Protein backbone atom coordinates (compact mmCIF):
# COMPACT_ATOMS: atom_id res chain seq x y z
CA UNK A 1 -0.24 0.24 0.14
CA UNK A 2 1.39 3.49 -0.99
CA UNK A 3 0.18 7.16 -0.11
CA UNK A 4 0.23 9.53 -2.68
CA UNK A 5 -0.04 13.16 -1.82
CA UNK A 6 -1.43 16.19 -4.13
CA UNK A 7 2.16 17.01 -5.49
CA UNK A 8 3.19 13.02 -5.92
CA UNK A 9 4.21 13.14 -9.37
CA UNK A 10 2.46 9.77 -9.88
CA UNK A 11 -1.10 11.39 -8.27
CA UNK A 12 -3.15 10.99 -11.06
CA UNK A 13 -3.83 13.97 -13.09
CA UNK A 14 -7.45 13.71 -13.32
CA UNK A 15 -8.29 13.37 -9.82
CA UNK A 16 -6.62 16.70 -9.46
CA UNK A 17 -8.94 18.31 -11.76
CA UNK A 18 -12.18 16.98 -9.63
CA UNK A 19 -14.17 19.59 -7.76
CA UNK A 20 -12.74 19.19 -4.13
CA UNK A 21 -9.86 17.15 -5.17
CA UNK A 22 -8.62 15.09 -1.94
CA UNK A 23 -5.68 15.62 -0.34
CA UNK A 24 -4.21 12.43 -0.66
CA UNK A 25 -5.04 8.79 -1.85
CA UNK A 26 -4.28 5.41 -0.73
CA UNK A 27 -3.45 2.97 -3.56
CA UNK A 28 -2.81 -0.90 -3.70
CA UNK A 29 -1.79 -2.78 -6.71
CA UNK A 30 -0.62 -1.86 -10.41
CA UNK A 31 -0.75 2.38 -10.15
CA UNK A 32 0.50 2.19 -13.69
CA UNK A 33 -3.27 1.07 -15.15
CA UNK A 34 -4.10 4.67 -14.70
CA UNK A 35 -1.78 5.87 -17.77
CA UNK A 36 -3.46 3.31 -20.03
CA UNK A 37 -7.00 3.92 -21.66
CA UNK A 38 -10.12 3.52 -19.05
CA UNK A 39 -13.29 3.38 -19.03
CA UNK A 40 -15.62 3.72 -16.17
CA UNK A 41 -19.05 1.32 -15.79
CA UNK A 42 -21.59 1.83 -13.46
CA UNK A 43 -25.03 0.93 -12.50
CA UNK A 44 -27.85 -0.12 -10.18
CA UNK A 45 -26.67 -2.05 -7.06
CA UNK A 46 -30.14 -4.09 -7.78
CA UNK A 47 -30.29 -4.39 -11.41
CA UNK A 48 -32.25 -6.36 -13.92
CA UNK A 49 -31.03 -9.33 -15.70
CA UNK A 50 -30.49 -7.25 -19.05
CA UNK A 51 -28.45 -5.01 -16.82
CA UNK A 52 -26.56 -7.38 -15.59
CA UNK A 53 -25.60 -9.12 -18.95
CA UNK A 54 -25.02 -5.88 -20.28
CA UNK A 55 -22.75 -4.64 -17.78
CA UNK A 56 -20.41 -7.70 -18.06
CA UNK A 57 -20.58 -7.84 -21.84
CA UNK A 58 -19.55 -4.24 -22.05
CA UNK A 59 -16.85 -4.55 -19.68
CA UNK A 60 -15.76 -8.12 -21.22
CA UNK A 61 -15.47 -6.53 -24.85
CA UNK A 62 -13.17 -3.38 -24.20
CA UNK A 63 -11.01 -5.40 -21.48
CA UNK A 64 -10.22 -7.73 -24.53
CA UNK A 65 -9.26 -4.90 -26.44
CA UNK A 66 -6.93 -3.60 -23.78
CA UNK A 67 -9.08 -1.19 -21.91
CA UNK A 68 -8.87 -0.94 -18.28
CA UNK A 69 -12.44 -1.26 -16.59
CA UNK A 70 -13.05 1.16 -13.71
CA UNK A 71 -16.05 0.95 -11.29
CA UNK A 72 -16.75 1.26 -7.71
CA UNK A 73 -16.62 -2.41 -6.15
CA UNK A 74 -20.75 -2.23 -5.02
CA UNK A 75 -22.85 -5.06 -5.25
CA UNK A 76 -24.78 -5.54 -8.48
CA UNK A 77 -23.61 -3.69 -11.81
CA UNK A 78 -19.73 -2.45 -10.36
CA UNK A 79 -19.07 -6.57 -9.65
CA UNK A 80 -20.14 -7.64 -12.91
CA UNK A 81 -17.99 -5.02 -14.74
CA UNK A 82 -15.06 -5.79 -12.73
CA UNK A 83 -15.76 -9.40 -13.29
CA UNK A 84 -16.26 -9.21 -17.07
CA UNK A 85 -12.95 -7.40 -17.01
CA UNK A 86 -11.19 -9.97 -14.99
CA UNK A 87 -12.53 -12.64 -17.18
CA UNK A 88 -11.68 -11.19 -20.26
CA UNK A 89 -7.93 -11.61 -18.76
CA UNK A 90 -7.92 -7.69 -18.68
CA UNK A 91 -7.27 -4.81 -16.01
CA UNK A 92 -9.61 -3.03 -13.86
CA UNK A 93 -9.25 -0.58 -11.24
CA UNK A 94 -11.68 -0.14 -8.07
CA UNK A 95 -12.56 2.90 -6.26
CA UNK A 96 -13.48 2.28 -2.95
CA UNK A 97 -16.10 4.59 -0.78
CA UNK A 98 -14.09 3.31 2.70
CA UNK A 99 -10.76 2.43 3.91
CA UNK A 100 -8.29 0.29 1.38
CA UNK A 101 -7.93 -2.48 3.83
CA UNK A 102 -11.95 -2.83 4.66
CA UNK A 103 -12.93 -5.87 3.30
CA UNK A 104 -16.68 -4.24 1.67
CA UNK A 105 -19.18 -5.40 0.47
CA UNK A 106 -18.80 -8.84 2.18
CA UNK A 107 -20.50 -10.61 -0.63
CA UNK A 108 -17.44 -9.06 -2.88
CA UNK A 109 -15.02 -10.17 -0.73
CA UNK A 110 -13.57 -12.83 -3.19
CA UNK A 111 -13.55 -10.39 -5.99
CA UNK A 112 -12.05 -7.68 -3.92
CA UNK A 113 -9.06 -9.55 -2.89
CA UNK A 114 -8.29 -10.70 -6.83
CA UNK A 115 -8.45 -7.08 -7.72
CA UNK A 116 -6.01 -6.16 -5.08
CA UNK A 117 -3.91 -8.93 -6.16
CA UNK A 118 -4.02 -8.26 -9.98
CA UNK A 119 -5.56 -4.66 -10.61
CA UNK A 120 -5.41 -1.65 -8.68
CA UNK A 121 -7.33 -0.55 -5.58
CA UNK A 122 -7.72 2.98 -4.57
CA UNK A 123 -9.28 5.60 -1.71
CA UNK A 124 -9.26 8.88 -0.36
CA UNK A 125 -10.35 7.61 2.91
CA UNK A 126 -7.75 6.66 5.13
CA UNK A 127 -7.24 2.98 6.39
CA UNK A 128 -9.63 1.52 8.83
CA UNK A 129 -12.69 3.90 8.19
CA UNK A 130 -15.87 2.38 7.57
CA UNK A 131 -18.37 2.67 4.76
CA UNK A 132 -20.94 5.13 4.92
CA UNK A 133 -23.81 6.36 2.75
CA UNK A 134 -22.35 9.95 2.73
CA UNK A 135 -18.77 8.85 1.26
CA UNK A 136 -20.03 7.16 -1.81
CA UNK A 137 -20.83 10.22 -3.49
CA UNK A 138 -17.61 11.08 -2.97
CA UNK A 139 -15.96 8.03 -4.09
CA UNK A 140 -18.29 8.65 -7.09
CA UNK A 141 -16.42 12.13 -8.41
CA UNK A 142 -13.24 9.75 -8.58
CA UNK A 143 -15.00 7.32 -10.53
CA UNK A 144 -16.16 9.45 -13.04
CA UNK A 145 -13.10 11.88 -13.09
CA UNK A 146 -10.70 8.41 -13.99
CA UNK A 147 -12.66 7.02 -17.31
CA UNK A 148 -11.70 8.78 -20.20
CA UNK A 149 -15.73 7.85 -20.79
CA UNK A 150 -17.99 7.22 -18.41
CA UNK A 151 -20.71 4.21 -19.71
CA UNK A 152 -23.96 4.41 -17.48
CA UNK A 153 -25.82 0.72 -17.52
CA UNK A 154 -29.06 0.80 -15.46
CA UNK A 155 -29.90 3.14 -12.84
CA UNK A 156 -32.93 5.09 -11.43
CA UNK A 157 -33.10 8.91 -12.19
CA UNK A 158 -32.22 9.94 -8.44
CA UNK A 159 -29.73 7.52 -7.36
CA UNK A 160 -26.26 6.77 -7.05
CA UNK A 161 -25.54 6.55 -10.58
CA UNK A 162 -27.16 9.47 -11.38
CA UNK A 163 -24.56 11.22 -8.67
CA UNK A 164 -21.76 9.61 -10.53
CA UNK A 165 -23.07 11.02 -14.04
CA UNK A 166 -23.52 14.45 -12.58
CA UNK A 167 -19.62 14.44 -11.61
CA UNK A 168 -18.34 14.40 -15.58
CA UNK A 169 -16.96 17.21 -16.21
CA UNK A 170 -17.00 16.93 -20.10
CA UNK A 171 -20.75 15.50 -20.58
CA UNK A 172 -19.62 14.24 -24.30
CA UNK A 173 -17.50 11.41 -22.38
CA UNK A 174 -20.75 9.90 -21.09
CA UNK A 175 -22.52 6.78 -22.87
CA UNK A 176 -25.81 5.36 -21.50
CA UNK A 177 -27.11 1.94 -22.44
CA UNK A 178 -31.24 2.26 -23.77
CA UNK A 179 -33.81 1.06 -21.74
CA UNK A 180 -37.30 0.15 -22.15
CA UNK A 181 -39.45 3.02 -21.30
CA UNK A 182 -41.67 1.48 -18.66
CA UNK A 183 -38.76 0.23 -16.44
CA UNK A 184 -37.62 2.33 -13.61
CA UNK A 185 -34.14 0.73 -13.82
CA UNK A 186 -33.80 2.49 -17.53
CA UNK A 187 -34.61 6.12 -16.26
CA UNK A 188 -31.40 7.66 -15.41
CA UNK A 189 -29.92 6.25 -18.99
CA UNK A 190 -32.72 7.17 -20.62
CA UNK A 191 -32.49 10.49 -19.33
CA UNK A 192 -29.15 11.24 -19.88
CA UNK A 193 -29.48 10.33 -23.72
CA UNK A 194 -32.29 12.74 -23.85
CA UNK A 195 -29.83 15.39 -22.06
CA UNK A 196 -27.26 14.54 -24.66
CA UNK A 197 -25.20 11.71 -23.64
CA UNK A 198 -24.53 9.22 -26.43
CA UNK A 199 -26.46 5.83 -26.54
CA UNK A 200 -24.17 2.85 -26.21
CA UNK A 201 -24.85 0.00 -28.71
CA UNK A 202 -21.64 -1.34 -29.90
CA UNK A 203 -18.25 -1.60 -28.22
CA UNK A 204 -16.89 0.63 -31.47
CA UNK A 205 -18.46 3.54 -30.17
CA UNK A 206 -16.36 3.60 -26.98
CA UNK A 207 -13.35 2.44 -29.07
CA UNK A 208 -13.76 5.39 -31.57
CA UNK A 209 -13.92 7.64 -28.53
CA UNK A 210 -10.75 6.51 -27.35
CA UNK A 211 -8.87 6.28 -30.49
CA UNK A 212 -8.91 2.72 -30.37
CA UNK A 213 -8.81 -0.03 -33.31
CA UNK A 214 -12.13 -0.75 -33.88
CA UNK A 215 -13.78 -4.57 -34.08
CA UNK A 216 -14.94 -6.21 -37.33
CA UNK A 217 -19.18 -4.34 -36.75
CA UNK A 218 -20.54 -8.15 -37.09
CA UNK A 219 -18.67 -8.74 -33.43
CA UNK A 220 -21.46 -6.96 -31.50
CA UNK A 221 -20.06 -6.48 -28.19
CA UNK A 222 -18.28 -9.62 -28.61
CA UNK A 223 -20.10 -12.25 -30.79
CA UNK A 224 -19.84 -15.24 -28.14
CA UNK A 225 -21.37 -13.52 -25.32
CA UNK A 226 -24.57 -12.26 -27.30
CA UNK A 227 -25.07 -15.56 -28.96
CA UNK A 228 -25.19 -17.23 -25.62
CA UNK A 229 -27.40 -14.46 -24.03
CA UNK A 230 -29.76 -14.82 -27.24
CA UNK A 231 -29.79 -18.80 -26.78
CA UNK A 232 -30.30 -18.23 -22.74
CA UNK A 233 -32.74 -15.79 -23.50
CA UNK A 234 -34.94 -18.36 -25.86
CA UNK A 235 -34.47 -21.08 -23.20
CA UNK A 236 -34.86 -19.10 -19.93
CA UNK A 237 -38.80 -19.77 -19.42
CA UNK A 238 -38.04 -23.42 -19.24
CA UNK A 239 -34.95 -22.82 -17.05
CA UNK A 240 -35.20 -24.00 -13.05
CA UNK A 241 -34.34 -21.33 -10.39
CA UNK A 242 -31.13 -22.92 -10.07
CA UNK A 243 -30.39 -23.27 -13.75
CA UNK A 244 -31.47 -19.61 -14.35
CA UNK A 245 -29.24 -18.43 -11.41
CA UNK A 246 -26.07 -20.44 -12.64
CA UNK A 247 -26.63 -19.57 -16.25
CA UNK A 248 -26.28 -15.67 -15.15
CA UNK A 249 -23.00 -17.08 -13.36
CA UNK A 250 -21.34 -18.88 -16.13
CA UNK A 251 -19.06 -16.71 -18.16
CA UNK A 252 -17.31 -16.96 -22.00
CA UNK A 253 -14.07 -17.42 -19.98
CA UNK A 254 -13.88 -21.17 -18.50
CA UNK A 255 -14.70 -21.11 -14.87
CA UNK A 256 -13.76 -23.83 -12.22
CA UNK A 257 -16.70 -25.73 -10.50
CA UNK A 258 -15.42 -24.56 -7.34
CA UNK A 259 -15.50 -20.83 -8.63
CA UNK A 260 -19.20 -21.73 -9.55
CA UNK A 261 -20.02 -23.09 -6.11
CA UNK A 262 -18.39 -20.28 -4.48
CA UNK A 263 -20.29 -17.48 -6.39
CA UNK A 264 -23.33 -19.35 -6.14
CA UNK A 265 -23.46 -21.12 -2.58
CA UNK A 266 -25.62 -24.44 -3.98
CA UNK A 267 -24.77 -27.42 -2.78
CA UNK A 268 -22.77 -29.47 -4.49
CA UNK A 269 -25.62 -31.73 -5.60
CA UNK A 270 -27.84 -28.79 -6.77
CA UNK A 271 -25.01 -27.14 -8.63
CA UNK A 272 -23.68 -30.51 -10.65
CA UNK A 273 -27.34 -31.25 -11.72
CA UNK A 274 -28.01 -27.71 -12.82
CA UNK A 275 -24.73 -28.13 -14.72
CA UNK A 276 -25.70 -30.81 -16.28
CA UNK A 277 -29.02 -29.79 -17.49
CA UNK A 278 -27.38 -26.70 -18.91
CA UNK A 279 -24.78 -28.40 -20.94
CA UNK A 280 -27.67 -30.88 -22.14
CA UNK A 281 -29.49 -27.96 -23.24
CA UNK A 282 -26.94 -26.53 -25.31
CA UNK A 283 -26.27 -23.46 -23.19
CA UNK A 284 -23.07 -24.41 -21.21
CA UNK A 285 -20.46 -26.33 -22.52
CA UNK A 286 -17.63 -28.40 -20.28
CA UNK A 287 -13.97 -28.35 -21.05
CA UNK A 288 -10.82 -30.31 -19.25
CA UNK A 289 -10.21 -29.96 -15.77
CA UNK A 290 -14.20 -29.40 -14.78
CA UNK A 291 -14.45 -25.84 -16.25
CA UNK A 292 -17.20 -24.26 -17.53
CA UNK A 293 -17.80 -21.70 -19.99
CA UNK A 294 -20.88 -20.38 -22.11
CA UNK A 295 -21.78 -22.31 -25.26
CA UNK A 296 -20.75 -20.51 -28.45
């Protein structure tokens, strides 16, 4: 762990430009990640299935192209964004609303430890500082600052997601995922689009903004992910509760059965039965070493 003061040459320049910049930052991990192209992905703590898919899919696709994914380590879409980046063998940065040594939220403990080991964790709050509701808006301004652009996946018109978007100094840097107008969770992104934010429709929208090489247009957000999502949605009505929960956890990158067991908290018997059923339905494929991935 390191402490960066404002006059430190390694103090992130983007953070110096925010309103009321912090006097210091506590950082743990690969600080050099902030020198690369970064994108912040944010969204609701209690998302829809669509939001879960999109946050993961966007992070996975961009991380595959070398983009560093920044988010806030909250439950819900923040966690899916971090996980998508890691599963793509990419890099991610977690900005905390508590001390750097505080394991919060407990449900993300395994993920938080992985980011501490493989990515970068930073906060303006000194070690031991507990999470508190008033600290998260402070954290949000750093998330907005560190991303070369900000992607809003889901969120209500009033809430933490909208608060983060308000911190973005340059509104042209905001992308929003369009949603159904009768879905409350789509209220925030749809309003941002109405106010001038760019709709997120394809990874190339962001890659072009960052002046990075574009993907073939047919490769919409990662063909592997989209194909699996479409296939899964067609069969979702016929999935049991356990099968649907497990399908949402399985990713394009192979995951060991022990990882799936830890993330789902299912009993071994229920887990194996659900995996076998998903495999028979063509939604999941088994790989050597008890690894599982979404079927192409």
